[in-house]
Amino acid sequence: MRLWLDDQRPMPADYEVRVTTAAEAIAALEGGEITAVSLDHDLGDEAEVGSGYQVACWIEAAAFEGRLRRLEWRVHSANPIGRRRMEAALQAADRAWSRGGD
């Protein structure tokens, strides 16, 4: 299943799961059925709903710990600094998956 994290943009037709908070995204990823993600950085009040960067960091940690299978990922955020930070975390996850043979 393909996960779309965004609080404003409509979900594209080729995605099956839409979430609007970091906690919802992480819960969906923990379920083990997500094969691809597309992440936005800014989701609203960060203190309440988190950010896409939090999700990217969770993915990175889970990849290094072997708790998450390799995902297809993309970042669709318009926030240039947030985009770079998320891409760095997700690229680190790619390196972890490559080392683990996943």
PDB file of N, CA and C in Angstrom:
ATOM      1  N   MET A   1       0.845  -1.182   0.000  1.00  0.00           N
ATOM      2  CA  MET A   1       0.000   0.000   0.000  1.00  0.00           C
ATOM      3  C   MET A   1       0.886   1.240   0.000  1.00  0.00           C
ATOM      4  N   ARG A   2       0.388   2.277  -0.629  1.00  0.00           N
ATOM      5  CA  ARG A   2       1.129   3.523  -0.772  1.00  0.00           C
ATOM      6  C   ARG A   2       0.536   4.586   0.157  1.00  0.00           C
ATOM      7  N   LEU A   3       1.406   5.232   0.947  1.00  0.00           N
ATOM      8  CA  LEU A   3       0.996   6.192   1.975  1.00  0.00           C
ATOM      9  C   LEU A   3       1.291   7.621   1.526  1.00  0.00           C
ATOM     10  N   TRP A   4       0.310   8.500   1.657  1.00  0.00           N
ATOM     11  CA  TRP A   4       0.423   9.920   1.336  1.00  0.00           C
ATOM     12  C   TRP A   4       0.279  10.707   2.638  1.00  0.00           C
ATOM     13  N   LEU A   5       1.329  11.443   3.027  1.00  0.00           N
ATOM     14  CA  LEU A   5       1.292  12.277   4.230  1.00  0.00           C
ATOM     15  C   LEU A   5       1.211  13.735   3.813  1.00  0.00           C
ATOM     16  N   ASP A   6       0.066  14.356   4.056  1.00  0.00           N
ATOM     17  CA  ASP A   6      -0.121  15.770   3.722  1.00  0.00           C
ATOM     18  C   ASP A   6      -1.403  16.257   4.371  1.00  0.00           C
ATOM     19  N   ASP A   7      -1.356  17.473   4.895  1.00  0.00           N
ATOM     20  CA  ASP A   7      -2.554  18.025   5.537  1.00  0.00           C
ATOM     21  C   ASP A   7      -3.399  18.857   4.585  1.00  0.00           C
ATOM     22  N   GLN A   8      -2.893  19.191   3.394  1.00  0.00           N
ATOM     23  CA  GLN A   8      -3.647  20.062   2.494  1.00  0.00           C
ATOM     24  C   GLN A   8      -3.822  19.505   1.084  1.00  0.00           C
ATOM     25  N   ARG A   9      -2.772  19.009   0.499  1.00  0.00           N
ATOM     26  CA  ARG A   9      -2.858  18.547  -0.891  1.00  0.00           C
ATOM     27  C   ARG A   9      -3.731  17.298  -0.979  1.00  0.00           C
ATOM     28  N   PRO A  10      -4.495  17.177  -2.055  1.00  0.00           N
ATOM     29  CA  PRO A  10      -5.283  15.951  -2.230  1.00  0.00           C
ATOM     30  C   PRO A  10      -4.371  14.767  -2.551  1.00  0.00           C
ATOM     31  N   MET A  11      -4.799  13.603  -2.143  1.00  0.00           N
ATOM     32  CA  MET A  11      -4.043  12.381  -2.388  1.00  0.00           C
ATOM     33  C   MET A  11      -4.141  11.988  -3.855  1.00  0.00           C
ATOM     34  N   PRO A  12      -3.014  11.718  -4.510  1.00  0.00           N
ATOM     35  CA  PRO A  12      -3.056  11.240  -5.896  1.00  0.00           C
ATOM     36  C   PRO A  12      -3.766   9.890  -5.993  1.00  0.00           C
ATOM     37  N   ALA A  13      -4.275   9.599  -7.158  1.00  0.00           N
ATOM     38  CA  ALA A  13      -5.052   8.377  -7.375  1.00  0.00           C
ATOM     39  C   ALA A  13      -4.246   7.104  -7.164  1.00  0.00           C
ATOM     40  N   ASP A  14      -2.916   7.159  -7.313  1.00  0.00           N
ATOM     41  CA  ASP A  14      -2.119   5.941  -7.174  1.00  0.00           C
ATOM     42  C   ASP A  14      -1.678   5.662  -5.737  1.00  0.00           C
ATOM     43  N   TYR A  15      -2.238   6.385  -4.779  1.00  0.00           N
ATOM     44  CA  TYR A  15      -1.981   6.137  -3.350  1.00  0.00           C
ATOM     45  C   TYR A  15      -3.256   5.589  -2.720  1.00  0.00           C
ATOM     46  N   GLU A  16      -3.092   4.749  -1.691  1.00  0.00           N
ATOM     47  CA  GLU A  16      -4.258   4.132  -1.050  1.00  0.00           C
ATOM     48  C   GLU A  16      -4.552   4.674   0.340  1.00  0.00           C
ATOM     49  N   VAL A  17      -3.539   5.227   1.027  1.00  0.00           N
ATOM     50  CA  VAL A  17      -3.711   5.646   2.415  1.00  0.00           C
ATOM     51  C   VAL A  17      -3.297   7.104   2.538  1.00  0.00           C
ATOM     52  N   ARG A  18      -4.210   7.936   3.066  1.00  0.00           N
ATOM     53  CA  ARG A  18      -3.897   9.347   3.303  1.00  0.00           C
ATOM     54  C   ARG A  18      -3.933   9.598   4.802  1.00  0.00           C
ATOM     55  N   VAL A  19      -2.853  10.204   5.312  1.00  0.00           N
ATOM     56  CA  VAL A  19      -2.784  10.601   6.715  1.00  0.00           C
ATOM     57  C   VAL A  19      -2.348  12.059   6.776  1.00  0.00           C
ATOM     58  N   THR A  20      -2.649  12.703   7.908  1.00  0.00           N
ATOM     59  CA  THR A  20      -2.360  14.134   8.030  1.00  0.00           C
ATOM     60  C   THR A  20      -1.442  14.475   9.189  1.00  0.00           C
ATOM     61  N   THR A  21      -1.053  13.489   9.986  1.00  0.00           N
ATOM     62  CA  THR A  21      -0.160  13.753  11.116  1.00  0.00           C
ATOM     63  C   THR A  21       1.005  12.759  11.101  1.00  0.00           C
ATOM     64  N   ALA A  22       2.086  13.150  11.769  1.00  0.00           N
ATOM     65  CA  ALA A  22       3.241  12.267  11.871  1.00  0.00           C
ATOM     66  C   ALA A  22       2.873  10.979  12.610  1.00  0.00           C
ATOM     67  N   ALA A  23       2.102  11.091  13.672  1.00  0.00           N
ATOM     68  CA  ALA A  23       1.720   9.909  14.442  1.00  0.00           C
ATOM     69  C   ALA A  23       0.913   8.924  13.604  1.00  0.00           C
ATOM     70  N   GLU A  24       0.003   9.419  12.785  1.00  0.00           N
ATOM     71  CA  GLU A  24      -0.785   8.537  11.912  1.00  0.00           C
ATOM     72  C   GLU A  24       0.116   7.839  10.897  1.00  0.00           C
ATOM     73  N   ALA A  25       1.077   8.573  10.358  1.00  0.00           N
ATOM     74  CA  ALA A  25       1.995   7.985   9.375  1.00  0.00           C
ATOM     75  C   ALA A  25       2.826   6.878  10.009  1.00  0.00           C
ATOM     76  N   ILE A  26       3.364   7.149  11.182  1.00  0.00           N
ATOM     77  CA  ILE A  26       4.189   6.153  11.865  1.00  0.00           C
ATOM     78  C   ILE A  26       3.361   4.926  12.229  1.00  0.00           C
ATOM     79  N   ALA A  27       2.136   5.128  12.687  1.00  0.00           N
ATOM     80  CA  ALA A  27       1.263   3.991  13.016  1.00  0.00           C
ATOM     81  C   ALA A  27       1.005   3.141  11.773  1.00  0.00           C
ATOM     82  N   ALA A  28       0.771   3.783  10.645  1.00  0.00           N
ATOM     83  CA  ALA A  28       0.542   3.041   9.402  1.00  0.00           C
ATOM     84  C   ALA A  28       1.802   2.271   9.009  1.00  0.00           C
ATOM     85  N   LEU A  29       2.963   2.886   9.145  1.00  0.00           N
ATOM     86  CA  LEU A  29       4.213   2.210   8.818  1.00  0.00           C
ATOM     87  C   LEU A  29       4.469   1.029   9.745  1.00  0.00           C
ATOM     88  N   GLU A  30       4.124   1.163  11.002  1.00  0.00           N
ATOM     89  CA  GLU A  30       4.309   0.069  11.962  1.00  0.00           C
ATOM     90  C   GLU A  30       3.437  -1.130  11.625  1.00  0.00           C
ATOM     91  N   GLY A  31       2.345  -0.893  10.902  1.00  0.00           N
ATOM     92  CA  GLY A  31       1.460  -1.980  10.511  1.00  0.00           C
ATOM     93  C   GLY A  31       2.090  -2.945   9.524  1.00  0.00           C
ATOM     94  N   GLY A  32       3.140  -2.522   8.833  1.00  0.00           N
ATOM     95  CA  GLY A  32       3.887  -3.420   7.963  1.00  0.00           C
ATOM     96  C   GLY A  32       3.373  -3.590   6.546  1.00  0.00           C
ATOM     97  N   GLU A  33       2.285  -2.920   6.185  1.00  0.00           N
ATOM     98  CA  GLU A  33       1.727  -3.106   4.848  1.00  0.00           C
ATOM     99  C   GLU A  33       2.081  -1.986   3.877  1.00  0.00           C
ATOM    100  N   ILE A  34       2.763  -0.957   4.350  1.00  0.00           N
ATOM    101  CA  ILE A  34       3.110   0.186   3.506  1.00  0.00           C
ATOM    102  C   ILE A  34       4.358  -0.167   2.697  1.00  0.00           C
ATOM    103  N   THR A  35       4.291   0.045   1.394  1.00  0.00           N
ATOM    104  CA  THR A  35       5.415  -0.245   0.499  1.00  0.00           C
ATOM    105  C   THR A  35       6.034   1.021  -0.080  1.00  0.00           C
ATOM    106  N   ALA A  36       5.312   2.144  -0.001  1.00  0.00           N
ATOM    107  CA  ALA A  36       5.807   3.409  -0.551  1.00  0.00           C
ATOM    108  C   ALA A  36       5.214   4.558   0.248  1.00  0.00           C
ATOM    109  N   VAL A  37       5.996   5.643   0.363  1.00  0.00           N
ATOM    110  CA  VAL A  37       5.518   6.842   1.049  1.00  0.00           C
ATOM    111  C   VAL A  37       5.838   8.071   0.212  1.00  0.00           C
ATOM    112  N   SER A  38       4.989   9.078   0.363  1.00  0.00           N
ATOM    113  CA  SER A  38       5.273  10.409  -0.160  1.00  0.00           C
ATOM    114  C   SER A  38       5.000  11.367   0.986  1.00  0.00           C
ATOM    115  N   LEU A  39       6.024  12.153   1.339  1.00  0.00           N
ATOM    116  CA  LEU A  39       5.952  12.945   2.562  1.00  0.00           C
ATOM    117  C   LEU A  39       5.976  14.446   2.302  1.00  0.00           C
ATOM    118  N   ASP A  40       5.109  15.153   3.010  1.00  0.00           N
ATOM    119  CA  ASP A  40       5.152  16.607   3.100  1.00  0.00           C
ATOM    120  C   ASP A  40       5.835  16.925   4.421  1.00  0.00           C
ATOM    121  N   HIS A  41       6.487  18.062   4.506  1.00  0.00           N
ATOM    122  CA  HIS A  41       7.160  18.442   5.750  1.00  0.00           C
ATOM    123  C   HIS A  41       6.211  19.158   6.701  1.00  0.00           C
ATOM    124  N   ASP A  42       5.593  20.234   6.244  1.00  0.00           N
ATOM    125  CA  ASP A  42       4.769  21.097   7.097  1.00  0.00           C
ATOM    126  C   ASP A  42       3.336  20.586   7.130  1.00  0.00           C
ATOM    127  N   LEU A  43       2.901  20.174   8.325  1.00  0.00           N
ATOM    128  CA  LEU A  43       1.581  19.563   8.474  1.00  0.00           C
ATOM    129  C   LEU A  43       0.629  20.396   9.326  1.00  0.00           C
ATOM    130  N   GLY A  44       1.038  21.586   9.681  1.00  0.00           N
ATOM    131  CA  GLY A  44       0.234  22.419  10.569  1.00  0.00           C
ATOM    132  C   GLY A  44       1.041  22.737  11.816  1.00  0.00           C
ATOM    133  N   ASP A  45       0.363  22.832  12.944  1.00  0.00           N
ATOM    134  CA  ASP A  45       1.031  23.139  14.206  1.00  0.00           C
ATOM    135  C   ASP A  45       1.919  21.958  14.589  1.00  0.00           C
ATOM    136  N   GLU A  46       3.225  22.147  14.449  1.00  0.00           N
ATOM    137  CA  GLU A  46       4.160  21.040  14.646  1.00  0.00           C
ATOM    138  C   GLU A  46       4.083  20.450  16.047  1.00  0.00           C
ATOM    139  N   ALA A  47       3.778  21.272  17.044  1.00  0.00           N
ATOM    140  CA  ALA A  47       3.664  20.765  18.417  1.00  0.00           C
ATOM    141  C   ALA A  47       2.497  19.789  18.547  1.00  0.00           C
ATOM    142  N   GLU A  48       1.484  19.958  17.732  1.00  0.00           N
ATOM    143  CA  GLU A  48       0.300  19.092  17.806  1.00  0.00           C
ATOM    144  C   GLU A  48       0.349  17.903  16.855  1.00  0.00           C
ATOM    145  N   VAL A  49       0.830  18.122  15.629  1.00  0.00           N
ATOM    146  CA  VAL A  49       0.718  17.083  14.600  1.00  0.00           C
ATOM    147  C   VAL A  49       2.055  16.566  14.093  1.00  0.00           C
ATOM    148  N   GLY A  50       3.148  17.169  14.537  1.00  0.00           N
ATOM    149  CA  GLY A  50       4.455  16.719  14.086  1.00  0.00           C
ATOM    150  C   GLY A  50       4.787  17.237  12.702  1.00  0.00           C
ATOM    151  N   SER A  51       5.773  16.592  12.093  1.00  0.00           N
ATOM    152  CA  SER A  51       6.218  17.001  10.753  1.00  0.00           C
ATOM    153  C   SER A  51       6.631  15.776   9.956  1.00  0.00           C
ATOM    154  N   GLY A  52       6.756  15.979   8.672  1.00  0.00           N
ATOM    155  CA  GLY A  52       7.255  14.911   7.818  1.00  0.00           C
ATOM    156  C   GLY A  52       8.673  14.508   8.179  1.00  0.00           C
ATOM    157  N   TYR A  53       9.445  15.451   8.701  1.00  0.00           N
ATOM    158  CA  TYR A  53      10.815  15.139   9.109  1.00  0.00           C
ATOM    159  C   TYR A  53      10.811  14.108  10.238  1.00  0.00           C
ATOM    160  N   GLN A  54       9.868  14.217  11.154  1.00  0.00           N
ATOM    161  CA  GLN A  54       9.773  13.216  12.229  1.00  0.00           C
ATOM    162  C   GLN A  54       9.519  11.826  11.654  1.00  0.00           C
ATOM    163  N   VAL A  55       8.694  11.759  10.633  1.00  0.00           N
ATOM    164  CA  VAL A  55       8.406  10.472   9.993  1.00  0.00           C
ATOM    165  C   VAL A  55       9.652   9.953   9.282  1.00  0.00           C
ATOM    166  N   ALA A  56      10.349  10.831   8.567  1.00  0.00           N
ATOM    167  CA  ALA A  56      11.568  10.424   7.870  1.00  0.00           C
ATOM    168  C   ALA A  56      12.609   9.914   8.865  1.00  0.00           C
ATOM    169  N   CYS A  57      12.735  10.573   9.999  1.00  0.00           N
ATOM    170  CA  CYS A  57      13.683  10.122  11.032  1.00  0.00           C
ATOM    171  C   CYS A  57      13.262   8.772  11.610  1.00  0.00           C
ATOM    172  N   TRP A  58      11.961   8.570  11.790  1.00  0.00           N
ATOM    173  CA  TRP A  58      11.477   7.284  12.275  1.00  0.00           C
ATOM    174  C   TRP A  58      11.806   6.192  11.258  1.00  0.00           C
ATOM    175  N   ILE A  59      11.583   6.476   9.973  1.00  0.00           N
ATOM    176  CA  ILE A  59      11.902   5.506   8.918  1.00  0.00           C
ATOM    177  C   ILE A  59      13.393   5.179   8.949  1.00  0.00           C
ATOM    178  N   GLU A  60      14.230   6.202   9.072  1.00  0.00           N
ATOM    179  CA  GLU A  60      15.677   5.987   9.122  1.00  0.00           C
ATOM    180  C   GLU A  60      16.048   5.062  10.282  1.00  0.00           C
ATOM    181  N   ALA A  61      15.553   5.364  11.470  1.00  0.00           N
ATOM    182  CA  ALA A  61      15.869   4.549  12.641  1.00  0.00           C
ATOM    183  C   ALA A  61      15.361   3.121  12.470  1.00  0.00           C
ATOM    184  N   ALA A  62      14.140   2.971  11.989  1.00  0.00           N
ATOM    185  CA  ALA A  62      13.562   1.639  11.813  1.00  0.00           C
ATOM    186  C   ALA A  62      14.336   0.836  10.772  1.00  0.00           C
ATOM    187  N   ALA A  63      14.819   1.503   9.739  1.00  0.00           N
ATOM    188  CA  ALA A  63      15.628   0.813   8.721  1.00  0.00           C
ATOM    189  C   ALA A  63      16.940   0.322   9.329  1.00  0.00           C
ATOM    190  N   PHE A  64      17.609   1.168  10.104  1.00  0.00           N
ATOM    191  CA  PHE A  64      18.879   0.784  10.727  1.00  0.00           C
ATOM    192  C   PHE A  64      18.685  -0.338  11.740  1.00  0.00           C
ATOM    193  N   GLU A  65      17.525  -0.348  12.401  1.00  0.00           N
ATOM    194  CA  GLU A  65      17.257  -1.371  13.416  1.00  0.00           C
ATOM    195  C   GLU A  65      16.664  -2.644  12.822  1.00  0.00           C
ATOM    196  N   GLY A  66      16.413  -2.656  11.522  1.00  0.00           N
ATOM    197  CA  GLY A  66      15.857  -3.833  10.864  1.00  0.00           C
ATOM    198  C   GLY A  66      14.381  -4.050  11.132  1.00  0.00           C
ATOM    199  N   ARG A  67      13.678  -2.993  11.565  1.00  0.00           N
ATOM    200  CA  ARG A  67      12.249  -3.108  11.882  1.00  0.00           C
ATOM    201  C   ARG A  67      11.348  -2.738  10.712  1.00  0.00           C
ATOM    202  N   LEU A  68      11.923  -2.293   9.609  1.00  0.00           N
ATOM    203  CA  LEU A  68      11.124  -1.821   8.481  1.00  0.00           C
ATOM    204  C   LEU A  68      11.753  -2.293   7.181  1.00  0.00           C
ATOM    205  N   ARG A  69      10.927  -2.912   6.347  1.00  0.00           N
ATOM    206  CA  ARG A  69      11.402  -3.329   5.030  1.00  0.00           C
ATOM    207  C   ARG A  69      11.617  -2.107   4.145  1.00  0.00           C
ATOM    208  N   ARG A  70      12.435  -2.287   3.127  1.00  0.00           N
ATOM    209  CA  ARG A  70      12.723  -1.207   2.188  1.00  0.00           C
ATOM    210  C   ARG A  70      11.425  -0.625   1.624  1.00  0.00           C
ATOM    211  N   LEU A  71      11.387   0.692   1.596  1.00  0.00           N
ATOM    212  CA  LEU A  71      10.246   1.430   1.048  1.00  0.00           C
ATOM    213  C   LEU A  71      10.671   2.218  -0.188  1.00  0.00           C
ATOM    214  N   GLU A  72       9.753   2.381  -1.087  1.00  0.00           N
ATOM    215  CA  GLU A  72       9.915   3.388  -2.130  1.00  0.00           C
ATOM    216  C   GLU A  72       9.509   4.704  -1.463  1.00  0.00           C
ATOM    217  N   TRP A  73      10.250   5.780  -1.690  1.00  0.00           N
ATOM    218  CA  TRP A  73       9.898   7.039  -1.033  1.00  0.00           C
ATOM    219  C   TRP A  73      10.067   8.218  -1.972  1.00  0.00           C
ATOM    220  N   ARG A  74       9.329   9.258  -1.639  1.00  0.00           N
ATOM    221  CA  ARG A  74       9.529  10.551  -2.285  1.00  0.00           C
ATOM    222  C   ARG A  74       9.108  11.629  -1.299  1.00  0.00           C
ATOM    223  N   VAL A  75       9.618  12.828  -1.531  1.00  0.00           N
ATOM    224  CA  VAL A  75       9.282  13.990  -0.715  1.00  0.00           C
ATOM    225  C   VAL A  75       8.609  14.996  -1.633  1.00  0.00           C
ATOM    226  N   HIS A  76       7.408  15.432  -1.267  1.00  0.00           N
ATOM    227  CA  HIS A  76       6.687  16.392  -2.107  1.00  0.00           C
ATOM    228  C   HIS A  76       6.517  17.748  -1.413  1.00  0.00           C
ATOM    229  N   SER A  77       7.331  18.023  -0.425  1.00  0.00           N
ATOM    230  CA  SER A  77       7.243  19.261   0.346  1.00  0.00           C
ATOM    231  C   SER A  77       7.759  20.455  -0.454  1.00  0.00           C
ATOM    232  N   ALA A  78       7.122  21.595  -0.254  1.00  0.00           N
ATOM    233  CA  ALA A  78       7.582  22.845  -0.858  1.00  0.00           C
ATOM    234  C   ALA A  78       8.580  23.562   0.052  1.00  0.00           C
ATOM    235  N   ASN A  79       8.800  23.060   1.251  1.00  0.00           N
ATOM    236  CA  ASN A  79       9.733  23.645   2.211  1.00  0.00           C
ATOM    237  C   ASN A  79      11.141  23.166   1.855  1.00  0.00           C
ATOM    238  N   PRO A  80      12.010  24.039   1.310  1.00  0.00           N
ATOM    239  CA  PRO A  80      13.315  23.570   0.821  1.00  0.00           C
ATOM    240  C   PRO A  80      14.228  23.023   1.916  1.00  0.00           C
ATOM    241  N   ILE A  81      14.233  23.630   3.077  1.00  0.00           N
ATOM    242  CA  ILE A  81      15.080  23.132   4.161  1.00  0.00           C
ATOM    243  C   ILE A  81      14.531  21.817   4.690  1.00  0.00           C
ATOM    244  N   GLY A  82      13.222  21.758   4.908  1.00  0.00           N
ATOM    245  CA  GLY A  82      12.596  20.518   5.357  1.00  0.00           C
ATOM    246  C   GLY A  82      12.796  19.403   4.354  1.00  0.00           C
ATOM    247  N   ARG A  83      12.677  19.722   3.078  1.00  0.00           N
ATOM    248  CA  ARG A  83      12.880  18.727   2.017  1.00  0.00           C
ATOM    249  C   ARG A  83      14.283  18.129   2.107  1.00  0.00           C
ATOM    250  N   ARG A  84      15.294  18.971   2.230  1.00  0.00           N
ATOM    251  CA  ARG A  84      16.676  18.477   2.289  1.00  0.00           C
ATOM    252  C   ARG A  84      16.893  17.598   3.519  1.00  0.00           C
ATOM    253  N   ARG A  85      16.342  17.998   4.643  1.00  0.00           N
ATOM    254  CA  ARG A  85      16.503  17.204   5.867  1.00  0.00           C
ATOM    255  C   ARG A  85      15.819  15.844   5.727  1.00  0.00           C
ATOM    256  N   MET A  86      14.612  15.829   5.170  1.00  0.00           N
ATOM    257  CA  MET A  86      13.901  14.561   4.989  1.00  0.00           C
ATOM    258  C   MET A  86      14.632  13.662   4.001  1.00  0.00           C
ATOM    259  N   GLU A  87      15.097  14.240   2.900  1.00  0.00           N
ATOM    260  CA  GLU A  87      15.809  13.443   1.905  1.00  0.00           C
ATOM    261  C   GLU A  87      17.083  12.848   2.496  1.00  0.00           C
ATOM    262  N   ALA A  88      17.787  13.608   3.333  1.00  0.00           N
ATOM    263  CA  ALA A  88      18.999  13.081   3.969  1.00  0.00           C
ATOM    264  C   ALA A  88      18.668  11.884   4.860  1.00  0.00           C
ATOM    265  N   ALA A  89      17.605  11.978   5.644  1.00  0.00           N
ATOM    266  CA  ALA A  89      17.208  10.867   6.516  1.00  0.00           C
ATOM    267  C   ALA A  89      16.798   9.647   5.695  1.00  0.00           C
ATOM    268  N   LEU A  90      16.056   9.871   4.629  1.00  0.00           N
ATOM    269  CA  LEU A  90      15.589   8.757   3.806  1.00  0.00           C
ATOM    270  C   LEU A  90      16.723   8.135   2.994  1.00  0.00           C
ATOM    271  N   GLN A  91      17.686   8.933   2.591  1.00  0.00           N
ATOM    272  CA  GLN A  91      18.869   8.388   1.914  1.00  0.00           C
ATOM    273  C   GLN A  91      19.686   7.533   2.884  1.00  0.00           C
ATOM    274  N   ALA A  92      19.742   7.950   4.145  1.00  0.00           N
ATOM    275  CA  ALA A  92      20.413   7.135   5.159  1.00  0.00           C
ATOM    276  C   ALA A  92      19.678   5.807   5.336  1.00  0.00           C
ATOM    277  N   ALA A  93      18.346   5.844   5.299  1.00  0.00           N
ATOM    278  CA  ALA A  93      17.566   4.598   5.376  1.00  0.00           C
ATOM    279  C   ALA A  93      17.904   3.707   4.186  1.00  0.00           C
ATOM    280  N   ASP A  94      18.021   4.294   2.996  1.00  0.00           N
ATOM    281  CA  ASP A  94      18.406   3.512   1.808  1.00  0.00           C
ATOM    282  C   ASP A  94      19.744   2.813   2.032  1.00  0.00           C
ATOM    283  N   ARG A  95      20.699   3.529   2.622  1.00  0.00           N
ATOM    284  CA  ARG A  95      22.013   2.924   2.887  1.00  0.00           C
ATOM    285  C   ARG A  95      21.887   1.760   3.881  1.00  0.00           C
ATOM    286  N   ALA A  96      21.052   1.941   4.896  1.00  0.00           N
ATOM    287  CA  ALA A  96      20.842   0.849   5.866  1.00  0.00           C
ATOM    288  C   ALA A  96      20.218  -0.351   5.198  1.00  0.00           C
ATOM    289  N   TRP A  97      19.219  -0.136   4.373  1.00  0.00           N
ATOM    290  CA  TRP A  97      18.579  -1.255   3.667  1.00  0.00           C
ATOM    291  C   TRP A  97      19.566  -1.936   2.728  1.00  0.00           C
ATOM    292  N   SER A  98      20.414  -1.160   2.080  1.00  0.00           N
ATOM    293  CA  SER A  98      21.409  -1.755   1.162  1.00  0.00           C
ATOM    294  C   SER A  98      22.398  -2.618   1.918  1.00  0.00           C
ATOM    295  N   ARG A  99      22.812  -2.200   3.084  1.00  0.00           N
ATOM    296  CA  ARG A  99      23.744  -2.987   3.895  1.00  0.00           C
ATOM    297  C   ARG A  99      23.097  -4.267   4.396  1.00  0.00           C
ATOM    298  N   GLY A 100      21.804  -4.169   4.682  1.00  0.00           N
ATOM    299  CA  GLY A 100      21.105  -5.336   5.230  1.00  0.00           C
ATOM    300  C   GLY A 100      20.633  -6.317   4.171  1.00  0.00           C
ATOM    301  N   GLY A 101      20.841  -5.967   2.904  1.00  0.00           N
ATOM    302  CA  GLY A 101      20.404  -6.861   1.830  1.00  0.00           C
ATOM    303  C   GLY A 101      18.918  -6.851   1.603  1.00  0.00           C
ATOM    304  N   ASP A 102      18.239  -5.863   2.149  1.00  0.00           N
ATOM    305  CA  ASP A 102      16.780  -5.790   2.032  1.00  0.00           C
ATOM    306  C   ASP A 102      16.374  -5.095   0.770  1.00  0.00           C
TER     307      ASP A 102
END
